[in-house]
Amino acid sequence: MKKKLSFIVLTFLFISSINAQEGFRIGISVGPTLGDSSEYFSYTLQADFQYLWSVSDDIYIGATTGALVFLGEGNNADGSGGLFSSIPDVFIPIAMASRVKLSELFYIGLDIGYALNANGFGDSDGSFIDEETGGFYFRPLFAYKVKEKLDLALSYTSISENEDNSSSINLGVNFGF
């Protein structure tokens, strides 16, 4: 618990010290759910904000955060179903990001960190964060540069919480500033 909270605070301080320079990116994507999450949800919406620093001409590292929302037709815990019957599951990833240029048009990337489950904040026992409010965040991606500041990206997102795995395959766009 203390490790999780320390990680969150340190990451927030790290991200808040960033000023808007070259390397700031915003991405949005959508895709179907996989794994355990597909029992309750049918698709995901993801938005991410990142800042990358150049380590070399072809390698970039930085930090990323955003929101990942699992939505759609599924089954609730009581067995009822139907379109939008499941309460959305919202995650806030806080991760380290890396990107490697394969050529002038293609690059690969990997985001690794922790994803907070926003549905788990403020439980009835009065605690702000409990043990089941997030999990390991893993997101590899492959991207194609459409224009100088516009990329088309395909990614796999996985969040491992205890024995559950919420995952999706997303297609989206990234905008650079």
N, C-alpha and C. Protein backbone atom coordinates (compact mmCIF):
# COMPACT_ATOMS: atom_id res chain seq x y z
N MET A 1 0.82 -1.19 0.00
CA MET A 1 0.00 0.00 0.00
C MET A 1 0.87 1.25 0.00
N LYS A 2 1.85 1.31 0.91
CA LYS A 2 2.72 2.48 0.99
C LYS A 2 3.58 2.60 -0.27
N LYS A 3 3.99 1.46 -0.83
CA LYS A 3 4.78 1.48 -2.06
C LYS A 3 3.97 2.06 -3.21
N LYS A 4 2.70 1.65 -3.30
CA LYS A 4 1.84 2.15 -4.37
C LYS A 4 1.65 3.66 -4.25
N LEU A 5 1.35 4.12 -3.04
CA LEU A 5 1.13 5.55 -2.83
C LEU A 5 2.40 6.35 -3.09
N SER A 6 3.55 5.82 -2.67
CA SER A 6 4.83 6.50 -2.92
C SER A 6 5.10 6.59 -4.42
N PHE A 7 4.84 5.50 -5.14
CA PHE A 7 5.04 5.50 -6.59
C PHE A 7 4.17 6.55 -7.26
N ILE A 8 2.91 6.64 -6.83
CA ILE A 8 1.98 7.61 -7.40
C ILE A 8 2.45 9.04 -7.14
N VAL A 9 2.86 9.32 -5.91
CA VAL A 9 3.31 10.66 -5.55
C VAL A 9 4.58 11.04 -6.32
N LEU A 10 5.56 10.14 -6.38
CA LEU A 10 6.80 10.43 -7.10
C LEU A 10 6.54 10.64 -8.59
N THR A 11 5.69 9.81 -9.18
CA THR A 11 5.37 9.97 -10.59
C THR A 11 4.66 11.29 -10.84
N PHE A 12 3.73 11.67 -9.96
CA PHE A 12 3.03 12.94 -10.11
C PHE A 12 4.02 14.11 -10.04
N LEU A 13 4.93 14.06 -9.08
CA LEU A 13 5.93 15.13 -8.96
C LEU A 13 6.81 15.19 -10.20
N PHE A 14 7.17 14.03 -10.73
CA PHE A 14 8.00 13.97 -11.92
C PHE A 14 7.26 14.58 -13.11
N ILE A 15 5.99 14.20 -13.29
CA ILE A 15 5.21 14.70 -14.42
C ILE A 15 4.91 16.18 -14.27
N SER A 16 4.64 16.64 -13.04
CA SER A 16 4.28 18.04 -12.85
C SER A 16 5.46 18.97 -13.06
N SER A 17 6.69 18.45 -13.02
CA SER A 17 7.86 19.30 -13.25
C SER A 17 8.15 19.50 -14.74
N ILE A 18 7.39 18.83 -15.58
CA ILE A 18 7.60 18.90 -17.02
C ILE A 18 7.01 20.19 -17.58
N ASN A 19 7.75 20.88 -18.41
CA ASN A 19 7.16 22.02 -19.10
C ASN A 19 6.87 21.62 -20.53
N ALA A 20 5.98 22.35 -21.16
CA ALA A 20 5.54 21.98 -22.51
C ALA A 20 6.62 22.31 -23.53
N GLN A 21 7.41 21.31 -23.88
CA GLN A 21 8.45 21.44 -24.89
C GLN A 21 8.21 20.38 -25.94
N GLU A 22 9.16 20.26 -26.85
CA GLU A 22 9.09 19.23 -27.88
C GLU A 22 8.98 17.87 -27.21
N GLY A 23 8.08 17.03 -27.69
CA GLY A 23 7.93 15.70 -27.14
C GLY A 23 6.59 15.46 -26.45
N PHE A 24 5.76 16.49 -26.30
CA PHE A 24 4.45 16.31 -25.68
C PHE A 24 3.50 15.75 -26.72
N ARG A 25 2.75 14.67 -26.33
CA ARG A 25 1.83 14.01 -27.25
C ARG A 25 0.52 13.69 -26.55
N ILE A 26 -0.56 13.70 -27.34
CA ILE A 26 -1.88 13.30 -26.86
C ILE A 26 -2.38 12.22 -27.82
N GLY A 27 -2.95 11.15 -27.27
CA GLY A 27 -3.47 10.08 -28.10
C GLY A 27 -4.88 9.69 -27.69
N ILE A 28 -5.67 9.26 -28.66
CA ILE A 28 -7.00 8.72 -28.40
C ILE A 28 -7.15 7.44 -29.22
N SER A 29 -7.82 6.44 -28.63
CA SER A 29 -7.99 5.18 -29.34
C SER A 29 -9.25 4.45 -28.85
N VAL A 30 -9.66 3.47 -29.62
CA VAL A 30 -10.84 2.66 -29.33
C VAL A 30 -10.55 1.23 -29.78
N GLY A 31 -11.18 0.26 -29.11
CA GLY A 31 -10.97 -1.12 -29.52
C GLY A 31 -11.78 -2.11 -28.70
N PRO A 32 -11.80 -3.37 -29.13
CA PRO A 32 -12.54 -4.41 -28.42
C PRO A 32 -11.79 -4.88 -27.17
N THR A 33 -12.55 -5.42 -26.22
CA THR A 33 -11.94 -5.96 -25.00
C THR A 33 -11.54 -7.42 -25.21
N LEU A 34 -10.61 -7.86 -24.38
CA LEU A 34 -10.12 -9.23 -24.41
C LEU A 34 -10.06 -9.76 -22.98
N GLY A 35 -9.78 -11.03 -22.83
CA GLY A 35 -9.54 -11.60 -21.51
C GLY A 35 -10.75 -11.54 -20.60
N ASP A 36 -10.48 -11.40 -19.29
CA ASP A 36 -11.55 -11.39 -18.29
C ASP A 36 -12.53 -10.24 -18.50
N SER A 37 -12.05 -9.12 -19.00
CA SER A 37 -12.90 -7.94 -19.17
C SER A 37 -13.97 -8.14 -20.25
N SER A 38 -13.75 -9.06 -21.19
CA SER A 38 -14.72 -9.26 -22.27
C SER A 38 -16.01 -9.89 -21.76
N GLU A 39 -16.00 -10.44 -20.56
CA GLU A 39 -17.22 -11.00 -19.97
C GLU A 39 -18.19 -9.87 -19.55
N TYR A 40 -17.63 -8.72 -19.22
CA TYR A 40 -18.45 -7.61 -18.72
C TYR A 40 -18.54 -6.42 -19.67
N PHE A 41 -17.59 -6.31 -20.61
CA PHE A 41 -17.54 -5.13 -21.48
C PHE A 41 -17.27 -5.56 -22.91
N SER A 42 -17.66 -4.70 -23.88
CA SER A 42 -17.43 -5.05 -25.28
C SER A 42 -16.39 -4.17 -25.96
N TYR A 43 -16.13 -2.95 -25.47
CA TYR A 43 -15.12 -2.11 -26.09
C TYR A 43 -14.49 -1.15 -25.08
N THR A 44 -13.38 -0.54 -25.49
CA THR A 44 -12.67 0.40 -24.63
C THR A 44 -12.45 1.72 -25.38
N LEU A 45 -12.37 2.78 -24.60
CA LEU A 45 -11.94 4.09 -25.07
C LEU A 45 -10.71 4.45 -24.26
N GLN A 46 -9.68 4.95 -24.92
CA GLN A 46 -8.45 5.29 -24.21
C GLN A 46 -7.96 6.65 -24.66
N ALA A 47 -7.52 7.45 -23.70
CA ALA A 47 -6.87 8.74 -23.96
C ALA A 47 -5.58 8.74 -23.17
N ASP A 48 -4.50 9.19 -23.79
CA ASP A 48 -3.25 9.24 -23.05
C ASP A 48 -2.49 10.53 -23.37
N PHE A 49 -1.73 10.95 -22.37
CA PHE A 49 -0.90 12.15 -22.45
C PHE A 49 0.51 11.72 -22.11
N GLN A 50 1.47 12.12 -22.92
CA GLN A 50 2.84 11.70 -22.65
C GLN A 50 3.84 12.78 -23.02
N TYR A 51 4.98 12.68 -22.40
CA TYR A 51 6.09 13.54 -22.73
C TYR A 51 7.31 12.65 -22.90
N LEU A 52 7.98 12.78 -24.03
CA LEU A 52 9.14 11.95 -24.34
C LEU A 52 10.38 12.80 -24.55
N TRP A 53 11.50 12.33 -24.02
CA TRP A 53 12.79 12.96 -24.25
C TRP A 53 13.60 12.09 -25.19
N SER A 54 14.38 12.71 -26.02
CA SER A 54 15.24 11.99 -26.95
C SER A 54 16.50 11.53 -26.23
N VAL A 55 16.73 10.21 -26.25
CA VAL A 55 17.96 9.63 -25.69
C VAL A 55 19.01 9.56 -26.79
N SER A 56 18.56 9.27 -27.98
CA SER A 56 19.41 9.27 -29.18
C SER A 56 18.52 9.66 -30.35
N ASP A 57 19.03 9.56 -31.56
CA ASP A 57 18.23 9.92 -32.73
C ASP A 57 17.01 9.02 -32.90
N ASP A 58 17.09 7.79 -32.41
CA ASP A 58 16.02 6.82 -32.64
C ASP A 58 15.33 6.31 -31.37
N ILE A 59 15.77 6.72 -30.18
CA ILE A 59 15.22 6.20 -28.93
C ILE A 59 14.72 7.36 -28.06
N TYR A 60 13.49 7.19 -27.55
CA TYR A 60 12.85 8.21 -26.71
C TYR A 60 12.31 7.54 -25.45
N ILE A 61 12.43 8.21 -24.31
CA ILE A 61 11.85 7.73 -23.06
C ILE A 61 11.11 8.87 -22.38
N GLY A 62 10.17 8.54 -21.52
CA GLY A 62 9.42 9.57 -20.82
C GLY A 62 8.36 9.00 -19.91
N ALA A 63 7.33 9.79 -19.68
CA ALA A 63 6.24 9.42 -18.79
C ALA A 63 4.91 9.56 -19.52
N THR A 64 3.94 8.77 -19.09
CA THR A 64 2.62 8.82 -19.69
C THR A 64 1.54 8.60 -18.63
N THR A 65 0.41 9.19 -18.84
CA THR A 65 -0.77 8.99 -18.01
C THR A 65 -1.99 9.17 -18.90
N GLY A 66 -3.18 8.99 -18.37
CA GLY A 66 -4.38 9.15 -19.17
C GLY A 66 -5.56 8.48 -18.53
N ALA A 67 -6.44 7.95 -19.35
CA ALA A 67 -7.63 7.25 -18.87
C ALA A 67 -7.97 6.12 -19.84
N LEU A 68 -8.38 5.00 -19.29
CA LEU A 68 -8.81 3.85 -20.07
C LEU A 68 -10.17 3.43 -19.52
N VAL A 69 -11.20 3.47 -20.38
CA VAL A 69 -12.56 3.19 -19.93
C VAL A 69 -13.08 1.95 -20.67
N PHE A 70 -13.49 0.95 -19.89
CA PHE A 70 -14.11 -0.25 -20.45
C PHE A 70 -15.62 -0.04 -20.43
N LEU A 71 -16.27 -0.17 -21.60
CA LEU A 71 -17.69 0.13 -21.77
C LEU A 71 -18.39 -0.97 -22.55
N GLY A 72 -19.71 -0.83 -22.64
CA GLY A 72 -20.47 -1.60 -23.61
C GLY A 72 -21.30 -2.72 -23.05
N GLU A 73 -21.82 -3.49 -23.99
CA GLU A 73 -22.70 -4.60 -23.65
C GLU A 73 -21.94 -5.65 -22.87
N GLY A 74 -22.55 -6.16 -21.84
CA GLY A 74 -21.93 -7.19 -21.03
C GLY A 74 -22.88 -7.68 -19.97
N ASN A 75 -22.34 -8.43 -19.05
CA ASN A 75 -23.15 -8.97 -17.95
C ASN A 75 -22.72 -8.33 -16.65
N ASN A 76 -23.68 -7.95 -15.83
CA ASN A 76 -23.39 -7.47 -14.50
C ASN A 76 -23.17 -8.66 -13.57
N ALA A 77 -22.73 -8.38 -12.38
CA ALA A 77 -22.48 -9.45 -11.41
C ALA A 77 -23.75 -10.24 -11.10
N ASP A 78 -24.92 -9.61 -11.19
CA ASP A 78 -26.18 -10.31 -10.90
C ASP A 78 -26.70 -11.13 -12.09
N GLY A 79 -25.94 -11.12 -13.20
CA GLY A 79 -26.33 -11.91 -14.36
C GLY A 79 -27.15 -11.16 -15.39
N SER A 80 -27.63 -9.96 -15.05
CA SER A 80 -28.39 -9.19 -16.02
C SER A 80 -27.46 -8.70 -17.12
N GLY A 81 -28.01 -8.47 -18.30
CA GLY A 81 -27.17 -8.07 -19.42
C GLY A 81 -27.85 -7.04 -20.28
N GLY A 82 -27.19 -6.70 -21.38
CA GLY A 82 -27.75 -5.74 -22.32
C GLY A 82 -26.78 -4.62 -22.61
N LEU A 83 -27.12 -3.84 -23.62
CA LEU A 83 -26.26 -2.74 -24.05
C LEU A 83 -26.10 -1.73 -22.92
N PHE A 84 -24.87 -1.39 -22.59
CA PHE A 84 -24.51 -0.45 -21.53
C PHE A 84 -25.03 -0.86 -20.16
N SER A 85 -25.25 -2.16 -19.95
CA SER A 85 -25.75 -2.61 -18.65
C SER A 85 -24.64 -2.67 -17.60
N SER A 86 -23.41 -2.84 -18.01
CA SER A 86 -22.30 -2.89 -17.08
C SER A 86 -21.87 -1.49 -16.68
N ILE A 87 -21.56 -1.32 -15.41
CA ILE A 87 -21.01 -0.05 -14.94
C ILE A 87 -19.62 0.08 -15.55
N PRO A 88 -19.28 1.20 -16.18
CA PRO A 88 -17.97 1.34 -16.81
C PRO A 88 -16.83 1.13 -15.81
N ASP A 89 -15.77 0.51 -16.25
CA ASP A 89 -14.57 0.32 -15.45
C ASP A 89 -13.56 1.35 -15.94
N VAL A 90 -13.10 2.23 -15.07
CA VAL A 90 -12.22 3.33 -15.45
C VAL A 90 -10.86 3.17 -14.79
N PHE A 91 -9.81 3.19 -15.60
CA PHE A 91 -8.44 3.08 -15.09
C PHE A 91 -7.66 4.35 -15.43
N ILE A 92 -6.74 4.72 -14.55
CA ILE A 92 -5.85 5.86 -14.77
C ILE A 92 -4.42 5.32 -14.72
N PRO A 93 -3.81 5.06 -15.88
CA PRO A 93 -2.44 4.54 -15.87
C PRO A 93 -1.41 5.64 -15.58
N ILE A 94 -0.40 5.27 -14.83
CA ILE A 94 0.76 6.13 -14.57
C ILE A 94 1.97 5.26 -14.92
N ALA A 95 2.66 5.62 -15.99
CA ALA A 95 3.67 4.69 -16.51
C ALA A 95 4.87 5.40 -17.11
N MET A 96 5.93 4.64 -17.27
CA MET A 96 7.10 5.08 -18.01
C MET A 96 6.88 4.66 -19.46
N ALA A 97 7.25 5.52 -20.38
CA ALA A 97 7.03 5.26 -21.81
C ALA A 97 8.36 5.20 -22.54
N SER A 98 8.43 4.35 -23.55
CA SER A 98 9.62 4.29 -24.40
C SER A 98 9.16 4.11 -25.85
N ARG A 99 9.92 4.71 -26.76
CA ARG A 99 9.63 4.60 -28.19
C ARG A 99 10.95 4.41 -28.93
N VAL A 100 10.92 3.55 -29.95
CA VAL A 100 12.10 3.30 -30.78
C VAL A 100 11.68 3.43 -32.24
N LYS A 101 12.34 4.34 -32.96
CA LYS A 101 12.06 4.51 -34.39
C LYS A 101 12.65 3.34 -35.17
N LEU A 102 11.82 2.70 -35.97
CA LEU A 102 12.29 1.63 -36.85
C LEU A 102 12.72 2.19 -38.19
N SER A 103 12.06 3.26 -38.61
CA SER A 103 12.38 3.96 -39.85
C SER A 103 11.79 5.36 -39.73
N GLU A 104 11.79 6.11 -40.82
CA GLU A 104 11.21 7.45 -40.78
C GLU A 104 9.68 7.41 -40.63
N LEU A 105 9.06 6.27 -40.99
CA LEU A 105 7.61 6.16 -40.95
C LEU A 105 7.06 5.27 -39.84
N PHE A 106 7.85 4.38 -39.26
CA PHE A 106 7.37 3.42 -38.27
C PHE A 106 8.15 3.50 -36.97
N TYR A 107 7.44 3.26 -35.84
CA TYR A 107 8.12 3.11 -34.56
C TYR A 107 7.34 2.14 -33.68
N ILE A 108 8.03 1.59 -32.69
CA ILE A 108 7.41 0.71 -31.70
C ILE A 108 7.56 1.37 -30.34
N GLY A 109 6.74 0.95 -29.41
CA GLY A 109 6.82 1.52 -28.08
C GLY A 109 6.36 0.56 -27.01
N LEU A 110 6.66 0.92 -25.76
CA LEU A 110 6.25 0.12 -24.62
C LEU A 110 6.01 1.05 -23.43
N ASP A 111 4.83 0.95 -22.83
CA ASP A 111 4.49 1.68 -21.62
C ASP A 111 4.34 0.65 -20.50
N ILE A 112 5.04 0.87 -19.38
CA ILE A 112 4.97 -0.03 -18.24
C ILE A 112 4.79 0.80 -16.98
N GLY A 113 3.83 0.39 -16.14
CA GLY A 113 3.62 1.11 -14.90
C GLY A 113 2.49 0.52 -14.08
N TYR A 114 1.73 1.40 -13.45
CA TYR A 114 0.62 1.00 -12.60
C TYR A 114 -0.64 1.72 -13.06
N ALA A 115 -1.77 1.02 -13.09
CA ALA A 115 -3.04 1.62 -13.48
C ALA A 115 -3.96 1.63 -12.27
N LEU A 116 -4.36 2.81 -11.85
CA LEU A 116 -5.31 2.94 -10.75
C LEU A 116 -6.71 2.68 -11.26
N ASN A 117 -7.49 1.91 -10.52
CA ASN A 117 -8.88 1.70 -10.88
C ASN A 117 -9.70 2.79 -10.20
N ALA A 118 -10.19 3.75 -10.97
CA ALA A 118 -10.92 4.89 -10.42
C ALA A 118 -12.21 4.47 -9.74
N ASN A 119 -12.75 3.30 -10.07
CA ASN A 119 -13.97 2.81 -9.43
C ASN A 119 -13.72 2.40 -7.98
N GLY A 120 -12.45 2.21 -7.59
CA GLY A 120 -12.13 1.73 -6.25
C GLY A 120 -11.80 2.81 -5.25
N PHE A 121 -11.84 4.08 -5.65
CA PHE A 121 -11.51 5.16 -4.71
C PHE A 121 -12.68 5.44 -3.78
N GLY A 122 -12.35 5.80 -2.56
CA GLY A 122 -13.37 6.20 -1.59
C GLY A 122 -14.32 5.08 -1.22
N ASP A 123 -13.77 3.94 -0.81
CA ASP A 123 -14.62 2.81 -0.42
C ASP A 123 -15.41 3.12 0.85
N SER A 124 -16.39 2.29 1.13
CA SER A 124 -17.29 2.50 2.26
C SER A 124 -16.59 2.42 3.61
N ASP A 125 -15.40 1.80 3.67
CA ASP A 125 -14.70 1.71 4.95
C ASP A 125 -13.95 3.00 5.29
N GLY A 126 -14.06 4.02 4.44
CA GLY A 126 -13.44 5.31 4.72
C GLY A 126 -12.03 5.46 4.20
N SER A 127 -11.45 4.39 3.66
CA SER A 127 -10.09 4.50 3.15
C SER A 127 -10.11 5.13 1.76
N PHE A 128 -9.05 5.84 1.43
CA PHE A 128 -8.97 6.48 0.12
C PHE A 128 -8.57 5.47 -0.94
N ILE A 129 -7.57 4.64 -0.65
CA ILE A 129 -7.11 3.61 -1.59
C ILE A 129 -7.01 2.29 -0.84
N ASP A 130 -7.59 1.23 -1.42
CA ASP A 130 -7.42 -0.07 -0.80
C ASP A 130 -6.56 -0.95 -1.71
N GLU A 131 -6.44 -2.21 -1.37
CA GLU A 131 -5.55 -3.11 -2.09
C GLU A 131 -6.06 -3.50 -3.48
N GLU A 132 -7.33 -3.25 -3.77
CA GLU A 132 -7.88 -3.69 -5.05
C GLU A 132 -8.25 -2.51 -5.94
N THR A 133 -7.41 -1.50 -5.98
CA THR A 133 -7.74 -0.32 -6.78
C THR A 133 -6.78 -0.15 -7.95
N GLY A 134 -6.30 -1.21 -8.51
CA GLY A 134 -5.44 -1.08 -9.67
C GLY A 134 -4.58 -2.30 -9.87
N GLY A 135 -3.70 -2.19 -10.86
CA GLY A 135 -2.81 -3.30 -11.14
C GLY A 135 -1.71 -2.92 -12.11
N PHE A 136 -0.89 -3.90 -12.43
CA PHE A 136 0.24 -3.73 -13.33
C PHE A 136 -0.26 -3.34 -14.72
N TYR A 137 0.30 -2.30 -15.29
CA TYR A 137 -0.10 -1.76 -16.60
C TYR A 137 1.00 -2.06 -17.62
N PHE A 138 0.60 -2.65 -18.75
CA PHE A 138 1.54 -3.05 -19.80
C PHE A 138 0.90 -2.71 -21.14
N ARG A 139 1.62 -1.91 -21.97
CA ARG A 139 1.04 -1.49 -23.25
C ARG A 139 2.11 -1.41 -24.35
N PRO A 140 2.29 -2.47 -25.12
CA PRO A 140 3.15 -2.37 -26.31
C PRO A 140 2.35 -1.75 -27.45
N LEU A 141 3.06 -1.06 -28.36
CA LEU A 141 2.37 -0.45 -29.49
C LEU A 141 3.25 -0.41 -30.73
N PHE A 142 2.57 -0.28 -31.86
CA PHE A 142 3.22 -0.15 -33.17
C PHE A 142 2.55 1.03 -33.85
N ALA A 143 3.34 1.95 -34.41
CA ALA A 143 2.74 3.16 -34.98
C ALA A 143 3.32 3.49 -36.35
N TYR A 144 2.48 4.15 -37.14
CA TYR A 144 2.83 4.63 -38.47
C TYR A 144 2.67 6.14 -38.48
N LYS A 145 3.70 6.83 -38.92
CA LYS A 145 3.68 8.29 -38.98
C LYS A 145 2.96 8.74 -40.25
N VAL A 146 1.76 9.32 -40.09
CA VAL A 146 0.95 9.78 -41.20
C VAL A 146 1.46 11.13 -41.69
N LYS A 147 1.70 12.04 -40.74
CA LYS A 147 2.24 13.37 -41.01
C LYS A 147 3.26 13.68 -39.93
N GLU A 148 3.86 14.84 -40.01
CA GLU A 148 4.89 15.24 -39.04
C GLU A 148 4.41 15.11 -37.59
N LYS A 149 3.20 15.54 -37.28
CA LYS A 149 2.69 15.54 -35.90
C LYS A 149 1.47 14.64 -35.72
N LEU A 150 1.27 13.68 -36.63
CA LEU A 150 0.12 12.80 -36.57
C LEU A 150 0.54 11.35 -36.84
N ASP A 151 0.21 10.45 -35.90
CA ASP A 151 0.55 9.04 -36.03
C ASP A 151 -0.71 8.19 -35.90
N LEU A 152 -0.72 7.06 -36.58
CA LEU A 152 -1.76 6.05 -36.45
C LEU A 152 -1.14 4.91 -35.64
N ALA A 153 -1.77 4.52 -34.51
CA ALA A 153 -1.16 3.54 -33.61
C ALA A 153 -2.07 2.35 -33.34
N LEU A 154 -1.47 1.18 -33.29
CA LEU A 154 -2.13 -0.06 -32.90
C LEU A 154 -1.47 -0.51 -31.60
N SER A 155 -2.28 -0.75 -30.56
CA SER A 155 -1.70 -1.13 -29.27
C SER A 155 -2.50 -2.23 -28.60
N TYR A 156 -1.81 -2.95 -27.72
CA TYR A 156 -2.43 -3.94 -26.84
C TYR A 156 -2.26 -3.38 -25.43
N THR A 157 -3.34 -3.33 -24.66
CA THR A 157 -3.28 -2.83 -23.30
C THR A 157 -3.71 -3.93 -22.34
N SER A 158 -2.91 -4.14 -21.28
CA SER A 158 -3.22 -5.15 -20.29
C SER A 158 -3.05 -4.56 -18.90
N ILE A 159 -4.05 -4.80 -18.04
CA ILE A 159 -4.00 -4.38 -16.65
C ILE A 159 -4.28 -5.62 -15.81
N SER A 160 -3.30 -6.04 -15.02
CA SER A 160 -3.44 -7.25 -14.19
C SER A 160 -3.74 -6.84 -12.77
N GLU A 161 -4.96 -7.14 -12.32
CA GLU A 161 -5.40 -6.89 -10.95
C GLU A 161 -5.62 -8.23 -10.26
N ASN A 162 -4.82 -8.52 -9.26
CA ASN A 162 -4.93 -9.80 -8.54
C ASN A 162 -4.98 -10.94 -9.54
N GLU A 163 -6.10 -11.66 -9.64
CA GLU A 163 -6.21 -12.77 -10.60
C GLU A 163 -6.91 -12.37 -11.88
N ASP A 164 -7.37 -11.12 -11.99
CA ASP A 164 -8.11 -10.66 -13.17
C ASP A 164 -7.20 -9.92 -14.14
N ASN A 165 -7.55 -10.01 -15.42
CA ASN A 165 -6.79 -9.30 -16.45
C ASN A 165 -7.76 -8.54 -17.34
N SER A 166 -7.69 -7.21 -17.27
CA SER A 166 -8.49 -6.37 -18.16
C SER A 166 -7.59 -5.99 -19.33
N SER A 167 -8.01 -6.33 -20.55
CA SER A 167 -7.13 -6.06 -21.69
C SER A 167 -7.95 -5.70 -22.92
N SER A 168 -7.26 -5.09 -23.87
CA SER A 168 -7.90 -4.68 -25.12
C SER A 168 -6.87 -4.50 -26.21
N ILE A 169 -7.35 -4.50 -27.45
CA ILE A 169 -6.54 -4.13 -28.61
C ILE A 169 -7.16 -2.84 -29.13
N ASN A 170 -6.34 -1.79 -29.25
CA ASN A 170 -6.87 -0.48 -29.63
C ASN A 170 -6.22 0.05 -30.90
N LEU A 171 -6.99 0.80 -31.65
CA LEU A 171 -6.51 1.51 -32.82
C LEU A 171 -6.82 2.99 -32.59
N GLY A 172 -5.83 3.83 -32.79
CA GLY A 172 -6.07 5.25 -32.52
C GLY A 172 -5.07 6.16 -33.20
N VAL A 173 -5.15 7.43 -32.82
CA VAL A 173 -4.26 8.44 -33.38
C VAL A 173 -3.52 9.15 -32.26
N ASN A 174 -2.29 9.59 -32.54
CA ASN A 174 -1.47 10.36 -31.63
C ASN A 174 -1.15 11.70 -32.28
N PHE A 175 -1.30 12.76 -31.50
CA PHE A 175 -1.02 14.11 -31.97
C PHE A 175 0.19 14.65 -31.21
N GLY A 176 1.15 15.17 -31.93
CA GLY A 176 2.34 15.76 -31.30
C GLY A 176 2.26 17.28 -31.28
N PHE A 177 2.92 17.85 -30.28
CA PHE A 177 2.95 19.31 -30.15
C PHE A 177 4.38 19.79 -30.06
